[in-house]
């Protein structure tokens, strides 16, 4: 993991501001991009959220059906059952 050399304080509500340079490099847009937050050992990791199929975990050709992410392949299988 590469250090950016940028330090940000956490405000009273627990928020931080991502530097503009990082938002531009990772194509993070204010109201359009969701971030996944998880831990790896002692580290907190922010990653762009990529929806995956609830059945197979595939990340391509995802359709949101009634609030659930389903890939086209699994959707076809469900229709055939």
Protein backbone atom coordinates (compact mmCIF):
# COMPACT_ATOMS: atom_id res chain seq x y z
CA UNK A 1 0.00 0.00 0.00
CA UNK A 2 1.45 3.35 -1.05
CA UNK A 3 1.38 6.26 1.40
CA UNK A 4 0.03 9.53 0.00
CA UNK A 5 1.60 11.67 2.71
CA UNK A 6 -1.79 13.30 3.35
CA UNK A 7 -3.12 13.47 6.91
CA UNK A 8 -6.72 14.41 7.67
CA UNK A 9 -8.40 14.98 11.03
CA UNK A 10 -11.65 13.23 11.90
CA UNK A 11 -14.35 15.76 12.83
CA UNK A 12 -16.73 15.49 15.81
CA UNK A 13 -19.22 13.49 13.72
CA UNK A 14 -16.54 11.00 12.62
CA UNK A 15 -16.18 12.37 9.08
CA UNK A 16 -13.06 12.87 7.01
CA UNK A 17 -12.56 14.67 3.70
CA UNK A 18 -10.93 12.73 0.89
CA UNK A 19 -8.38 14.92 -0.89
CA UNK A 20 -9.46 16.21 -4.30
CA UNK A 21 -6.47 14.53 -5.95
CA UNK A 22 -7.54 11.09 -4.68
CA UNK A 23 -11.16 11.67 -5.68
CA UNK A 24 -10.02 12.59 -9.19
CA UNK A 25 -7.58 9.67 -9.56
CA UNK A 26 -10.14 7.11 -8.33
CA UNK A 27 -13.11 8.78 -10.08
CA UNK A 28 -15.01 9.33 -6.84
CA UNK A 29 -17.94 11.69 -7.36
CA UNK A 30 -19.79 13.25 -4.41
CA UNK A 31 -23.35 11.95 -4.79
CA UNK A 32 -22.66 9.16 -7.28
CA UNK A 33 -19.98 6.94 -5.75
CA UNK A 34 -20.47 4.48 -2.89
CA UNK A 35 -17.49 3.43 -0.80
CA UNK A 36 -17.13 0.13 1.02
CA UNK A 37 -15.47 0.33 4.43
CA UNK A 38 -13.74 -2.71 5.91
CA UNK A 39 -10.73 -3.63 7.99
CA UNK A 40 -7.56 -5.56 7.20
CA UNK A 41 -5.79 -6.28 10.45
CA UNK A 42 -5.20 -2.92 12.11
CA UNK A 43 -6.03 -0.91 8.96
CA UNK A 44 -9.29 0.71 7.87
CA UNK A 45 -9.75 0.37 4.10
CA UNK A 46 -11.97 2.46 1.83
CA UNK A 47 -12.73 0.93 -1.57
CA UNK A 48 -15.13 1.85 -4.35
CA UNK A 49 -18.18 -0.34 -3.88
CA UNK A 50 -18.73 -2.80 -6.70
CA UNK A 51 -22.12 -4.53 -6.47
CA UNK A 52 -22.07 -8.31 -6.79
CA UNK A 53 -24.70 -10.97 -7.38
CA UNK A 54 -26.26 -12.25 -4.14
CA UNK A 55 -26.22 -15.81 -5.52
CA UNK A 56 -22.86 -16.32 -7.24
CA UNK A 57 -20.81 -13.23 -6.30
CA UNK A 58 -20.21 -12.23 -9.92
CA UNK A 59 -19.65 -8.50 -10.47
CA UNK A 60 -20.49 -8.17 -14.17
CA UNK A 61 -23.90 -7.51 -15.74
CA UNK A 62 -25.59 -6.78 -12.41
CA UNK A 63 -29.29 -5.92 -12.28
CA UNK A 64 -30.90 -4.53 -9.15
CA UNK A 65 -34.19 -6.37 -8.60
CA UNK A 66 -36.28 -5.19 -5.63
CA UNK A 67 -33.18 -3.96 -3.81
CA UNK A 68 -31.13 -7.11 -4.47
CA UNK A 69 -28.22 -7.42 -6.92
CA UNK A 70 -28.57 -10.34 -9.34
CA UNK A 71 -26.40 -11.09 -12.38
CA UNK A 72 -28.00 -11.82 -15.73
CA UNK A 73 -26.90 -15.48 -15.61
CA UNK A 74 -28.54 -16.15 -12.25
CA UNK A 75 -31.63 -14.21 -13.30
CA UNK A 76 -32.00 -16.48 -16.34
CA UNK A 77 -31.60 -19.54 -14.10
CA UNK A 78 -34.27 -18.24 -11.74
CA UNK A 79 -36.66 -17.68 -14.63
CA UNK A 80 -36.15 -21.28 -15.79
CA UNK A 81 -36.95 -22.80 -12.36
